[in-house]
């Protein structure tokens, strides 16, 4: 169990470090917001695919409390594991933001000031998270788990551009991004509604998966 929890901590830490670090690098390289988002997206897609591939056999590579929550609902895991994973994922996310700050000579702990809010962005989070959960569950049902690293990373990369929220789709990552006042940051006051939208999206995604697979 220690290896699994450590895998979730490390994976989420590296994921947030990738998201935040590439966001800082993007703003250092270009003043064009479109180019900044493209840099951030490409780095996240490649990094996420690698992390899922290498850590999947160890912990399942959830890196996301709502993914673990859906596993709990479907009895693929138990409540104790859910709590352990959620704590490790959130702690890892905060660590990853601090690491990214350190690499770019920012204060180790910052408070993000970037306001992300409004019904359109919450809808974006619902769509991004529902799609994520739907994809994971369909891949498992179709016994195509070997494709999950590529498919999940591809979905997140696409959702960076087609959702208004730029696809956080992850409560732990959302919390971690509070701690860097950079391109990828999110102001603390926006976090609770983002997480609520993510939880709702996850439940919708599970419902859609059950409809499409006829699972009870």
N, C-alpha and C. Protein backbone atom coordinates (compact mmCIF):
# COMPACT_ATOMS: atom_id res chain seq x y z
N UNK A 1 0.83 -1.21 0.00
CA UNK A 1 0.00 0.00 0.00
C UNK A 1 0.86 1.25 0.00
N UNK A 2 2.01 1.19 0.68
CA UNK A 2 2.90 2.36 0.71
C UNK A 2 3.33 2.73 -0.70
N UNK A 3 3.67 1.72 -1.51
CA UNK A 3 4.10 1.99 -2.88
C UNK A 3 2.99 2.66 -3.68
N UNK A 4 1.75 2.21 -3.48
CA UNK A 4 0.63 2.78 -4.21
C UNK A 4 0.40 4.24 -3.83
N UNK A 5 0.41 4.52 -2.54
CA UNK A 5 0.20 5.89 -2.08
C UNK A 5 1.36 6.79 -2.53
N UNK A 6 2.58 6.24 -2.44
CA UNK A 6 3.75 7.00 -2.90
C UNK A 6 3.66 7.28 -4.39
N UNK A 7 3.17 6.31 -5.15
CA UNK A 7 3.01 6.51 -6.58
C UNK A 7 2.02 7.61 -6.89
N UNK A 8 0.92 7.67 -6.13
CA UNK A 8 -0.07 8.73 -6.33
C UNK A 8 0.48 10.10 -5.94
N UNK A 9 1.24 10.12 -4.86
CA UNK A 9 1.85 11.38 -4.42
C UNK A 9 2.84 11.88 -5.47
N UNK A 10 3.75 11.01 -5.89
CA UNK A 10 4.77 11.39 -6.85
C UNK A 10 4.16 11.78 -8.19
N UNK A 11 3.21 10.97 -8.66
CA UNK A 11 2.60 11.23 -9.96
C UNK A 11 1.87 12.56 -9.99
N UNK A 12 1.12 12.86 -8.92
CA UNK A 12 0.38 14.13 -8.89
C UNK A 12 1.32 15.31 -8.73
N UNK A 13 2.39 15.11 -7.95
CA UNK A 13 3.39 16.17 -7.79
C UNK A 13 4.04 16.51 -9.13
N UNK A 14 4.43 15.49 -9.86
CA UNK A 14 5.06 15.73 -11.16
C UNK A 14 4.08 16.33 -12.16
N UNK A 15 2.83 15.87 -12.11
CA UNK A 15 1.82 16.41 -13.02
C UNK A 15 1.63 17.91 -12.79
N UNK A 16 1.48 18.32 -11.56
CA UNK A 16 1.29 19.75 -11.27
C UNK A 16 2.56 20.54 -11.58
N UNK A 17 3.71 19.93 -11.32
CA UNK A 17 4.95 20.60 -11.67
C UNK A 17 5.03 20.84 -13.18
N UNK A 18 4.56 19.87 -13.95
CA UNK A 18 4.52 20.01 -15.41
C UNK A 18 3.55 21.12 -15.81
N UNK A 19 2.35 21.10 -15.25
CA UNK A 19 1.33 22.08 -15.60
C UNK A 19 1.77 23.49 -15.24
N UNK A 20 2.23 23.66 -14.01
CA UNK A 20 2.62 25.00 -13.55
C UNK A 20 3.93 25.44 -14.19
N UNK A 21 4.90 24.54 -14.22
CA UNK A 21 6.20 24.90 -14.78
C UNK A 21 6.12 25.28 -16.25
N UNK A 22 5.37 24.49 -17.02
CA UNK A 22 5.25 24.82 -18.45
C UNK A 22 4.46 26.11 -18.65
N UNK A 23 3.54 26.40 -17.72
CA UNK A 23 2.82 27.67 -17.79
C UNK A 23 3.74 28.85 -17.56
N UNK A 24 4.65 28.71 -16.59
CA UNK A 24 5.61 29.79 -16.33
C UNK A 24 6.56 29.94 -17.52
N UNK A 25 7.06 28.81 -18.02
CA UNK A 25 7.94 28.86 -19.17
C UNK A 25 7.25 29.51 -20.37
N UNK A 26 5.98 29.18 -20.55
CA UNK A 26 5.23 29.73 -21.68
C UNK A 26 5.16 31.25 -21.63
N UNK A 27 4.93 31.80 -20.45
CA UNK A 27 4.85 33.26 -20.33
C UNK A 27 6.23 33.90 -20.45
N UNK A 28 7.27 33.14 -20.14
CA UNK A 28 8.63 33.65 -20.33
C UNK A 28 9.01 33.71 -21.81
N UNK A 29 8.43 32.79 -22.59
CA UNK A 29 8.81 32.67 -24.00
C UNK A 29 7.96 33.52 -24.94
N UNK A 30 6.73 33.79 -24.55
CA UNK A 30 5.82 34.49 -25.47
C UNK A 30 4.81 35.34 -24.71
N UNK A 31 4.42 36.43 -25.32
CA UNK A 31 3.35 37.27 -24.77
C UNK A 31 2.01 36.96 -25.41
N UNK A 32 2.01 36.06 -26.38
CA UNK A 32 0.80 35.65 -27.08
C UNK A 32 0.09 34.59 -26.24
N UNK A 33 -1.13 34.88 -25.79
CA UNK A 33 -1.84 33.95 -24.91
C UNK A 33 -2.11 32.62 -25.60
N UNK A 34 -2.39 32.67 -26.90
CA UNK A 34 -2.62 31.43 -27.63
C UNK A 34 -1.39 30.54 -27.65
N UNK A 35 -0.24 31.15 -27.88
CA UNK A 35 1.01 30.40 -27.86
C UNK A 35 1.30 29.87 -26.46
N UNK A 36 1.02 30.68 -25.47
CA UNK A 36 1.22 30.24 -24.08
C UNK A 36 0.39 29.00 -23.78
N UNK A 37 -0.88 29.03 -24.18
CA UNK A 37 -1.75 27.89 -23.93
C UNK A 37 -1.28 26.66 -24.70
N UNK A 38 -0.79 26.86 -25.91
CA UNK A 38 -0.30 25.74 -26.71
C UNK A 38 0.92 25.09 -26.06
N UNK A 39 1.84 25.90 -25.58
CA UNK A 39 3.02 25.36 -24.88
C UNK A 39 2.59 24.58 -23.65
N UNK A 40 1.71 25.16 -22.87
CA UNK A 40 1.20 24.53 -21.65
C UNK A 40 0.52 23.20 -21.97
N UNK A 41 -0.25 23.18 -23.04
CA UNK A 41 -0.99 21.98 -23.43
C UNK A 41 -0.07 20.87 -23.88
N UNK A 42 0.87 21.19 -24.77
CA UNK A 42 1.77 20.16 -25.30
C UNK A 42 2.56 19.51 -24.18
N UNK A 43 3.10 20.33 -23.29
CA UNK A 43 3.88 19.79 -22.17
C UNK A 43 3.02 18.89 -21.28
N UNK A 44 1.80 19.32 -21.00
CA UNK A 44 0.90 18.55 -20.14
C UNK A 44 0.53 17.22 -20.78
N UNK A 45 0.21 17.24 -22.07
CA UNK A 45 -0.18 16.01 -22.77
C UNK A 45 0.94 14.98 -22.72
N UNK A 46 2.14 15.38 -23.10
CA UNK A 46 3.25 14.43 -23.10
C UNK A 46 3.58 13.94 -21.69
N UNK A 47 3.64 14.89 -20.75
CA UNK A 47 3.98 14.52 -19.38
C UNK A 47 2.96 13.59 -18.75
N UNK A 48 1.67 13.89 -18.96
CA UNK A 48 0.61 13.06 -18.37
C UNK A 48 0.65 11.66 -18.95
N UNK A 49 0.85 11.53 -20.25
CA UNK A 49 0.91 10.21 -20.87
C UNK A 49 2.05 9.38 -20.28
N UNK A 50 3.20 10.00 -20.10
CA UNK A 50 4.35 9.29 -19.53
C UNK A 50 4.06 8.86 -18.09
N UNK A 51 3.51 9.76 -17.29
CA UNK A 51 3.25 9.45 -15.89
C UNK A 51 2.24 8.32 -15.74
N UNK A 52 1.18 8.33 -16.54
CA UNK A 52 0.19 7.24 -16.46
C UNK A 52 0.84 5.92 -16.87
N UNK A 53 1.66 5.96 -17.91
CA UNK A 53 2.29 4.74 -18.41
C UNK A 53 3.21 4.11 -17.36
N UNK A 54 4.03 4.92 -16.71
CA UNK A 54 5.03 4.35 -15.80
C UNK A 54 4.50 4.07 -14.40
N UNK A 55 3.50 4.85 -13.96
CA UNK A 55 2.99 4.66 -12.60
C UNK A 55 1.68 3.88 -12.55
N UNK A 56 1.05 3.68 -13.70
CA UNK A 56 -0.18 2.90 -13.74
C UNK A 56 -0.03 1.53 -13.11
N UNK A 57 1.03 0.77 -13.44
CA UNK A 57 1.19 -0.56 -12.85
C UNK A 57 1.44 -0.55 -11.34
N UNK A 58 1.84 0.60 -10.81
CA UNK A 58 2.15 0.69 -9.38
C UNK A 58 0.93 1.11 -8.57
N UNK A 59 0.28 2.21 -8.98
CA UNK A 59 -0.82 2.75 -8.17
C UNK A 59 -2.15 2.83 -8.90
N UNK A 60 -2.14 2.57 -10.20
CA UNK A 60 -3.33 2.80 -11.00
C UNK A 60 -3.30 4.15 -11.68
N UNK A 61 -2.36 5.00 -11.27
CA UNK A 61 -2.16 6.33 -11.88
C UNK A 61 -3.45 7.14 -11.93
N UNK A 62 -4.14 7.21 -10.79
CA UNK A 62 -5.33 8.05 -10.72
C UNK A 62 -4.96 9.54 -10.78
N UNK A 63 -4.07 9.94 -9.87
CA UNK A 63 -3.61 11.34 -9.75
C UNK A 63 -4.78 12.31 -9.61
N UNK A 64 -5.94 11.84 -9.18
CA UNK A 64 -7.15 12.65 -9.25
C UNK A 64 -8.20 12.09 -8.28
N UNK A 65 -8.59 12.86 -7.26
CA UNK A 65 -9.56 12.34 -6.29
C UNK A 65 -10.89 11.92 -6.89
N UNK A 66 -11.36 12.57 -7.97
CA UNK A 66 -12.65 12.14 -8.51
C UNK A 66 -12.54 10.82 -9.27
N UNK A 67 -11.38 10.53 -9.83
CA UNK A 67 -11.16 9.22 -10.45
C UNK A 67 -11.21 8.14 -9.37
N UNK A 68 -10.55 8.41 -8.24
CA UNK A 68 -10.58 7.46 -7.13
C UNK A 68 -11.98 7.36 -6.53
N UNK A 69 -12.69 8.48 -6.47
CA UNK A 69 -14.07 8.48 -5.98
C UNK A 69 -14.96 7.57 -6.83
N UNK A 70 -14.80 7.64 -8.14
CA UNK A 70 -15.60 6.80 -9.03
C UNK A 70 -15.23 5.33 -8.84
N UNK A 71 -13.95 5.05 -8.61
CA UNK A 71 -13.55 3.67 -8.30
C UNK A 71 -14.22 3.20 -7.02
N UNK A 72 -14.33 4.09 -6.03
CA UNK A 72 -14.99 3.74 -4.77
C UNK A 72 -16.46 3.45 -5.00
N UNK A 73 -17.13 4.29 -5.76
CA UNK A 73 -18.55 4.09 -6.05
C UNK A 73 -18.78 2.75 -6.74
N UNK A 74 -17.85 2.38 -7.61
CA UNK A 74 -17.98 1.13 -8.36
C UNK A 74 -17.35 -0.07 -7.65
N UNK A 75 -16.91 0.15 -6.43
CA UNK A 75 -16.35 -0.90 -5.59
C UNK A 75 -15.06 -1.50 -6.17
N UNK A 76 -14.32 -0.67 -6.90
CA UNK A 76 -13.01 -1.10 -7.37
C UNK A 76 -11.95 -0.83 -6.31
N UNK A 77 -12.32 -0.01 -5.31
CA UNK A 77 -11.42 0.29 -4.21
C UNK A 77 -12.28 0.44 -2.96
N UNK A 78 -11.62 0.65 -1.81
CA UNK A 78 -12.35 0.80 -0.55
C UNK A 78 -12.17 2.21 -0.01
N UNK A 79 -12.94 2.53 1.04
CA UNK A 79 -12.95 3.89 1.56
C UNK A 79 -11.60 4.31 2.12
N UNK A 80 -10.91 3.41 2.80
CA UNK A 80 -9.60 3.75 3.37
C UNK A 80 -8.62 4.12 2.26
N UNK A 81 -8.62 3.33 1.20
CA UNK A 81 -7.73 3.63 0.07
C UNK A 81 -8.10 4.96 -0.58
N UNK A 82 -9.40 5.22 -0.70
CA UNK A 82 -9.84 6.49 -1.26
C UNK A 82 -9.28 7.66 -0.46
N UNK A 83 -9.38 7.59 0.86
CA UNK A 83 -8.88 8.68 1.71
C UNK A 83 -7.36 8.81 1.56
N UNK A 84 -6.67 7.68 1.61
CA UNK A 84 -5.21 7.72 1.48
C UNK A 84 -4.79 8.32 0.14
N UNK A 85 -5.44 7.90 -0.92
CA UNK A 85 -5.12 8.41 -2.25
C UNK A 85 -5.43 9.91 -2.34
N UNK A 86 -6.60 10.31 -1.85
CA UNK A 86 -7.00 11.72 -1.96
C UNK A 86 -6.02 12.63 -1.21
N UNK A 87 -5.61 12.20 -0.03
CA UNK A 87 -4.63 12.98 0.75
C UNK A 87 -3.30 13.04 0.01
N UNK A 88 -2.84 11.89 -0.49
CA UNK A 88 -1.56 11.84 -1.21
C UNK A 88 -1.61 12.69 -2.48
N UNK A 89 -2.72 12.62 -3.19
CA UNK A 89 -2.87 13.39 -4.43
C UNK A 89 -2.85 14.90 -4.15
N UNK A 90 -3.55 15.31 -3.12
CA UNK A 90 -3.61 16.74 -2.79
C UNK A 90 -2.27 17.24 -2.29
N UNK A 91 -1.63 16.46 -1.42
CA UNK A 91 -0.31 16.84 -0.93
C UNK A 91 0.70 16.88 -2.08
N UNK A 92 0.59 15.91 -2.98
CA UNK A 92 1.48 15.88 -4.14
C UNK A 92 1.28 17.09 -5.02
N UNK A 93 0.04 17.49 -5.21
CA UNK A 93 -0.26 18.65 -6.06
C UNK A 93 0.36 19.92 -5.49
N UNK A 94 0.25 20.10 -4.20
CA UNK A 94 0.84 21.28 -3.56
C UNK A 94 2.36 21.24 -3.69
N UNK A 95 2.94 20.05 -3.48
CA UNK A 95 4.39 19.89 -3.62
C UNK A 95 4.84 20.22 -5.04
N UNK A 96 4.05 19.78 -6.02
CA UNK A 96 4.40 20.03 -7.42
C UNK A 96 4.41 21.52 -7.76
N UNK A 97 3.45 22.25 -7.21
CA UNK A 97 3.42 23.70 -7.43
C UNK A 97 4.63 24.38 -6.80
N UNK A 98 4.99 23.96 -5.61
CA UNK A 98 6.16 24.51 -4.93
C UNK A 98 7.43 24.21 -5.73
N UNK A 99 7.53 22.98 -6.25
CA UNK A 99 8.69 22.59 -7.06
C UNK A 99 8.80 23.46 -8.31
N UNK A 100 7.68 23.67 -8.99
CA UNK A 100 7.69 24.51 -10.18
C UNK A 100 8.10 25.93 -9.84
N UNK A 101 7.57 26.46 -8.74
CA UNK A 101 7.97 27.80 -8.30
C UNK A 101 9.47 27.88 -8.09
N UNK A 102 10.03 26.85 -7.44
CA UNK A 102 11.46 26.84 -7.14
C UNK A 102 12.29 26.80 -8.42
N UNK A 103 11.86 26.02 -9.40
CA UNK A 103 12.62 25.89 -10.64
C UNK A 103 12.69 27.20 -11.41
N UNK A 104 11.69 28.06 -11.23
CA UNK A 104 11.66 29.31 -11.97
C UNK A 104 11.90 30.53 -11.08
N UNK A 105 12.52 30.28 -9.92
CA UNK A 105 12.92 31.36 -9.00
C UNK A 105 11.77 32.22 -8.52
N UNK A 106 10.58 31.62 -8.43
CA UNK A 106 9.45 32.29 -7.79
C UNK A 106 9.54 32.02 -6.29
N UNK A 107 8.84 32.79 -5.47
CA UNK A 107 8.71 32.41 -4.06
C UNK A 107 8.17 30.98 -3.97
N UNK A 108 8.67 30.21 -3.05
CA UNK A 108 8.27 28.79 -2.98
C UNK A 108 6.76 28.63 -2.87
N UNK A 109 6.16 29.46 -2.02
CA UNK A 109 4.70 29.39 -1.85
C UNK A 109 4.11 30.75 -2.19
N UNK A 110 3.29 30.75 -3.22
CA UNK A 110 2.58 31.95 -3.63
C UNK A 110 1.08 31.70 -3.49
N UNK A 111 0.32 32.76 -3.53
CA UNK A 111 -1.14 32.64 -3.60
C UNK A 111 -1.59 33.18 -4.93
N UNK A 112 -2.20 32.34 -5.74
CA UNK A 112 -2.62 32.74 -7.08
C UNK A 112 -3.65 33.85 -7.00
N UNK A 113 -3.58 34.75 -7.96
CA UNK A 113 -4.55 35.86 -8.03
C UNK A 113 -5.41 35.78 -9.28
N UNK A 114 -5.18 34.75 -10.11
CA UNK A 114 -5.92 34.63 -11.37
C UNK A 114 -7.34 34.16 -11.09
N UNK A 115 -8.31 35.04 -11.36
CA UNK A 115 -9.71 34.71 -11.10
C UNK A 115 -10.26 33.88 -12.26
N UNK A 116 -10.82 32.74 -11.91
CA UNK A 116 -11.46 31.87 -12.90
C UNK A 116 -12.86 31.58 -12.36
N UNK A 117 -13.87 32.11 -13.00
CA UNK A 117 -15.22 31.92 -12.48
C UNK A 117 -16.26 32.18 -13.54
N UNK A 118 -17.51 31.97 -13.15
CA UNK A 118 -18.63 32.15 -14.05
C UNK A 118 -19.22 30.83 -14.47
N UNK A 119 -20.49 30.86 -14.73
CA UNK A 119 -21.20 29.63 -15.08
C UNK A 119 -20.62 28.93 -16.30
N UNK A 120 -20.09 29.70 -17.25
CA UNK A 120 -19.52 29.08 -18.45
C UNK A 120 -18.29 28.24 -18.11
N UNK A 121 -17.46 28.74 -17.17
CA UNK A 121 -16.26 27.98 -16.80
C UNK A 121 -16.62 26.77 -15.95
N UNK A 122 -17.63 26.90 -15.10
CA UNK A 122 -18.05 25.73 -14.32
C UNK A 122 -18.62 24.66 -15.25
N UNK A 123 -19.35 25.09 -16.27
CA UNK A 123 -19.85 24.14 -17.27
C UNK A 123 -18.68 23.47 -17.98
N UNK A 124 -17.65 24.24 -18.29
CA UNK A 124 -16.46 23.67 -18.91
C UNK A 124 -15.84 22.58 -18.05
N UNK A 125 -15.80 22.81 -16.73
CA UNK A 125 -15.25 21.80 -15.82
C UNK A 125 -16.13 20.55 -15.77
N UNK A 126 -17.44 20.76 -15.81
CA UNK A 126 -18.35 19.60 -15.83
C UNK A 126 -18.10 18.76 -17.08
N UNK A 127 -18.01 19.42 -18.22
CA UNK A 127 -17.79 18.70 -19.48
C UNK A 127 -16.44 17.99 -19.48
N UNK A 128 -15.39 18.69 -19.07
CA UNK A 128 -14.05 18.10 -19.08
C UNK A 128 -13.96 16.89 -18.16
N UNK A 129 -14.55 16.99 -16.97
CA UNK A 129 -14.46 15.90 -16.00
C UNK A 129 -15.37 14.74 -16.39
N UNK A 130 -16.56 15.05 -16.90
CA UNK A 130 -17.46 13.99 -17.36
C UNK A 130 -16.80 13.20 -18.48
N UNK A 131 -16.17 13.90 -19.41
CA UNK A 131 -15.49 13.22 -20.50
C UNK A 131 -14.36 12.33 -20.01
N UNK A 132 -13.61 12.83 -19.05
CA UNK A 132 -12.50 12.06 -18.49
C UNK A 132 -12.99 10.75 -17.87
N UNK A 133 -14.02 10.84 -17.04
CA UNK A 133 -14.54 9.65 -16.37
C UNK A 133 -15.18 8.69 -17.39
N UNK A 134 -15.90 9.25 -18.34
CA UNK A 134 -16.51 8.42 -19.39
C UNK A 134 -15.45 7.65 -20.15
N UNK A 135 -14.39 8.32 -20.55
CA UNK A 135 -13.33 7.68 -21.32
C UNK A 135 -12.67 6.56 -20.53
N UNK A 136 -12.32 6.84 -19.27
CA UNK A 136 -11.65 5.83 -18.46
C UNK A 136 -12.53 4.59 -18.31
N UNK A 137 -13.81 4.81 -18.02
CA UNK A 137 -14.71 3.67 -17.79
C UNK A 137 -14.98 2.89 -19.08
N UNK A 138 -15.08 3.58 -20.20
CA UNK A 138 -15.29 2.86 -21.46
C UNK A 138 -14.05 2.06 -21.84
N UNK A 139 -12.87 2.62 -21.59
CA UNK A 139 -11.64 1.89 -21.88
C UNK A 139 -11.53 0.62 -21.03
N UNK A 140 -11.92 0.74 -19.77
CA UNK A 140 -11.90 -0.44 -18.88
C UNK A 140 -12.92 -1.47 -19.35
N UNK A 141 -14.12 -1.01 -19.67
CA UNK A 141 -15.18 -1.92 -20.13
C UNK A 141 -14.78 -2.63 -21.42
N UNK A 142 -14.12 -1.92 -22.30
CA UNK A 142 -13.72 -2.49 -23.59
C UNK A 142 -12.40 -3.25 -23.51
N UNK A 143 -11.85 -3.34 -22.30
CA UNK A 143 -10.60 -4.04 -22.06
C UNK A 143 -9.46 -3.47 -22.92
N UNK A 144 -9.42 -2.15 -22.97
CA UNK A 144 -8.38 -1.44 -23.72
C UNK A 144 -7.55 -0.57 -22.78
N UNK A 145 -7.28 -1.08 -21.59
CA UNK A 145 -6.58 -0.27 -20.59
C UNK A 145 -5.18 0.12 -21.05
N UNK A 146 -4.59 -0.65 -21.97
CA UNK A 146 -3.26 -0.32 -22.46
C UNK A 146 -3.26 1.03 -23.19
N UNK A 147 -4.43 1.45 -23.67
CA UNK A 147 -4.54 2.71 -24.40
C UNK A 147 -4.85 3.90 -23.50
N UNK A 148 -5.12 3.65 -22.23
CA UNK A 148 -5.52 4.73 -21.33
C UNK A 148 -4.52 5.88 -21.27
N UNK A 149 -3.20 5.62 -21.19
CA UNK A 149 -2.27 6.78 -21.15
C UNK A 149 -2.43 7.73 -22.32
N UNK A 150 -2.55 7.19 -23.51
CA UNK A 150 -2.66 8.02 -24.71
C UNK A 150 -4.04 8.68 -24.80
N UNK A 151 -5.09 7.89 -24.52
CA UNK A 151 -6.45 8.41 -24.67
C UNK A 151 -6.75 9.49 -23.64
N UNK A 152 -6.38 9.26 -22.40
CA UNK A 152 -6.63 10.25 -21.35
C UNK A 152 -5.83 11.54 -21.61
N UNK A 153 -4.56 11.39 -21.94
CA UNK A 153 -3.74 12.57 -22.23
C UNK A 153 -4.29 13.34 -23.43
N UNK A 154 -4.77 12.61 -24.43
CA UNK A 154 -5.34 13.26 -25.61
C UNK A 154 -6.60 14.03 -25.26
N UNK A 155 -7.45 13.45 -24.41
CA UNK A 155 -8.68 14.14 -24.00
C UNK A 155 -8.35 15.43 -23.25
N UNK A 156 -7.43 15.33 -22.30
CA UNK A 156 -7.07 16.52 -21.52
C UNK A 156 -6.48 17.60 -22.43
N UNK A 157 -5.63 17.19 -23.36
CA UNK A 157 -5.04 18.16 -24.28
C UNK A 157 -6.09 18.84 -25.14
N UNK A 158 -7.03 18.05 -25.64
CA UNK A 158 -8.11 18.62 -26.44
C UNK A 158 -8.97 19.56 -25.61
N UNK A 159 -9.28 19.14 -24.38
CA UNK A 159 -10.15 19.94 -23.52
C UNK A 159 -9.48 21.23 -23.05
N UNK A 160 -8.15 21.30 -23.06
CA UNK A 160 -7.48 22.55 -22.78
C UNK A 160 -7.98 23.65 -23.72
N UNK A 161 -8.29 23.25 -24.95
CA UNK A 161 -8.67 24.22 -25.97
C UNK A 161 -10.18 24.35 -26.16
N UNK A 162 -10.93 23.25 -25.98
CA UNK A 162 -12.35 23.39 -26.31
C UNK A 162 -13.24 23.68 -25.11
N UNK A 163 -12.70 23.63 -23.89
CA UNK A 163 -13.50 24.02 -22.73
C UNK A 163 -13.11 25.41 -22.26
N UNK A 164 -14.08 26.14 -21.75
CA UNK A 164 -13.85 27.52 -21.31
C UNK A 164 -12.94 27.60 -20.09
N UNK A 165 -12.85 26.50 -19.34
CA UNK A 165 -12.06 26.48 -18.10
C UNK A 165 -10.64 26.00 -18.32
N UNK A 166 -10.30 25.60 -19.52
CA UNK A 166 -9.03 24.96 -19.89
C UNK A 166 -8.80 23.65 -19.15
N UNK A 167 -9.88 22.99 -18.77
CA UNK A 167 -9.85 21.60 -18.32
C UNK A 167 -8.92 21.31 -17.15
N UNK A 168 -9.29 21.78 -15.96
CA UNK A 168 -8.60 21.34 -14.75
C UNK A 168 -8.98 19.87 -14.49
N UNK A 169 -10.29 19.61 -14.38
CA UNK A 169 -10.85 18.25 -14.28
C UNK A 169 -10.25 17.42 -13.15
N UNK A 170 -9.81 18.07 -12.07
CA UNK A 170 -9.09 17.35 -11.03
C UNK A 170 -9.04 18.22 -9.77
N UNK A 171 -9.73 17.81 -8.70
CA UNK A 171 -9.72 18.62 -7.47
C UNK A 171 -8.34 18.82 -6.86
N UNK A 172 -7.50 17.79 -6.87
CA UNK A 172 -6.17 17.92 -6.28
C UNK A 172 -5.32 18.91 -7.06
N UNK A 173 -5.35 18.79 -8.38
CA UNK A 173 -4.60 19.73 -9.22
C UNK A 173 -5.13 21.15 -9.04
N UNK A 174 -6.44 21.28 -8.89
CA UNK A 174 -7.04 22.60 -8.67
C UNK A 174 -6.50 23.22 -7.39
N UNK A 175 -6.44 22.44 -6.32
CA UNK A 175 -5.89 22.94 -5.05
C UNK A 175 -4.42 23.30 -5.22
N UNK A 176 -3.66 22.44 -5.88
CA UNK A 176 -2.24 22.70 -6.06
C UNK A 176 -1.98 24.00 -6.79
N UNK A 177 -2.82 24.31 -7.76
CA UNK A 177 -2.61 25.50 -8.58
C UNK A 177 -2.92 26.81 -7.84
N UNK A 178 -3.47 26.70 -6.63
CA UNK A 178 -3.63 27.88 -5.77
C UNK A 178 -2.26 28.45 -5.41
N UNK A 179 -1.25 27.57 -5.32
CA UNK A 179 0.02 27.94 -4.70
C UNK A 179 1.06 28.47 -5.68
N UNK A 180 0.63 28.84 -6.88
CA UNK A 180 1.54 29.49 -7.82
C UNK A 180 0.81 30.62 -8.53
N UNK A 181 1.30 31.83 -8.34
CA UNK A 181 0.67 32.99 -8.98
C UNK A 181 1.24 33.14 -10.38
N UNK A 182 0.79 32.27 -11.26
CA UNK A 182 1.36 32.19 -12.60
C UNK A 182 0.26 31.88 -13.61
N UNK A 183 0.65 31.59 -14.83
CA UNK A 183 -0.29 31.33 -15.92
C UNK A 183 -1.31 30.25 -15.55
N UNK A 184 -0.88 29.23 -14.83
CA UNK A 184 -1.76 28.11 -14.51
C UNK A 184 -2.47 28.26 -13.17
N UNK A 185 -2.28 29.38 -12.49
CA UNK A 185 -2.84 29.55 -11.16
C UNK A 185 -4.35 29.74 -11.15
N UNK A 186 -4.93 29.57 -9.96
CA UNK A 186 -6.35 29.83 -9.76
C UNK A 186 -6.53 30.45 -8.38
N UNK A 187 -7.23 31.56 -8.31
CA UNK A 187 -7.44 32.25 -7.03
C UNK A 187 -8.21 31.36 -6.07
N UNK A 188 -7.87 31.36 -4.79
CA UNK A 188 -8.51 30.48 -3.82
C UNK A 188 -10.03 30.58 -3.80
N UNK A 189 -10.57 31.77 -4.01
CA UNK A 189 -12.01 31.95 -3.96
C UNK A 189 -12.77 31.24 -5.05
N UNK A 190 -12.07 30.81 -6.08
CA UNK A 190 -12.73 30.12 -7.21
C UNK A 190 -12.71 28.61 -7.06
N UNK A 191 -11.93 28.11 -6.12
CA UNK A 191 -11.64 26.68 -6.07
C UNK A 191 -12.85 25.83 -5.71
N UNK A 192 -13.63 26.24 -4.71
CA UNK A 192 -14.73 25.39 -4.24
C UNK A 192 -15.75 25.12 -5.35
N UNK A 193 -16.04 26.13 -6.15
CA UNK A 193 -17.01 25.93 -7.22
C UNK A 193 -16.43 25.08 -8.35
N UNK A 194 -15.14 25.23 -8.60
CA UNK A 194 -14.49 24.36 -9.59
C UNK A 194 -14.57 22.91 -9.15
N UNK A 195 -14.27 22.65 -7.88
CA UNK A 195 -14.30 21.28 -7.38
C UNK A 195 -15.72 20.73 -7.40
N UNK A 196 -16.70 21.53 -7.03
CA UNK A 196 -18.09 21.08 -7.09
C UNK A 196 -18.47 20.69 -8.52
N UNK A 197 -18.04 21.50 -9.49
CA UNK A 197 -18.32 21.19 -10.90
C UNK A 197 -17.62 19.90 -11.32
N UNK A 198 -16.42 19.69 -10.83
CA UNK A 198 -15.69 18.47 -11.17
C UNK A 198 -16.37 17.22 -10.60
N UNK A 199 -16.85 17.32 -9.37
CA UNK A 199 -17.55 16.17 -8.77
C UNK A 199 -18.82 15.88 -9.54
N UNK A 200 -19.58 16.93 -9.86
CA UNK A 200 -20.80 16.74 -10.64
C UNK A 200 -20.47 16.14 -12.01
N UNK A 201 -19.44 16.64 -12.65
CA UNK A 201 -19.04 16.11 -13.94
C UNK A 201 -18.65 14.65 -13.87
N UNK A 202 -17.95 14.27 -12.80
CA UNK A 202 -17.55 12.87 -12.63
C UNK A 202 -18.76 11.96 -12.51
N UNK A 203 -19.76 12.39 -11.76
CA UNK A 203 -20.98 11.58 -11.60
C UNK A 203 -21.75 11.48 -12.92
N UNK A 204 -21.76 12.57 -13.67
CA UNK A 204 -22.41 12.53 -14.99
C UNK A 204 -21.66 11.57 -15.92
N UNK A 205 -20.34 11.64 -15.88
CA UNK A 205 -19.53 10.75 -16.71
C UNK A 205 -19.77 9.29 -16.37
N UNK A 206 -19.88 8.99 -15.08
CA UNK A 206 -20.17 7.62 -14.66
C UNK A 206 -21.55 7.20 -15.16
N UNK A 207 -22.54 8.08 -15.03
CA UNK A 207 -23.88 7.76 -15.49
C UNK A 207 -23.91 7.48 -16.98
N UNK A 208 -23.19 8.30 -17.76
CA UNK A 208 -23.13 8.07 -19.20
C UNK A 208 -22.47 6.75 -19.53
N UNK A 209 -21.41 6.42 -18.80
CA UNK A 209 -20.72 5.15 -19.04
C UNK A 209 -21.63 3.97 -18.77
N UNK A 210 -22.43 4.06 -17.71
CA UNK A 210 -23.34 2.97 -17.39
C UNK A 210 -24.44 2.83 -18.45
N UNK A 211 -24.90 3.95 -18.96
CA UNK A 211 -25.91 3.90 -20.02
C UNK A 211 -25.34 3.24 -21.28
N UNK A 212 -24.14 3.61 -21.63
CA UNK A 212 -23.53 3.11 -22.86
C UNK A 212 -23.07 1.66 -22.78
N UNK A 213 -22.81 1.20 -21.55
CA UNK A 213 -22.35 -0.18 -21.39
C UNK A 213 -23.40 -1.11 -20.80
N UNK A 214 -24.57 -0.52 -20.47
CA UNK A 214 -25.66 -1.29 -19.85
C UNK A 214 -25.27 -1.88 -18.51
N UNK A 215 -24.28 -1.26 -17.85
CA UNK A 215 -23.89 -1.72 -16.51
C UNK A 215 -24.86 -1.15 -15.47
N UNK A 216 -25.17 -1.94 -14.45
CA UNK A 216 -26.04 -1.48 -13.38
C UNK A 216 -25.22 -0.84 -12.29
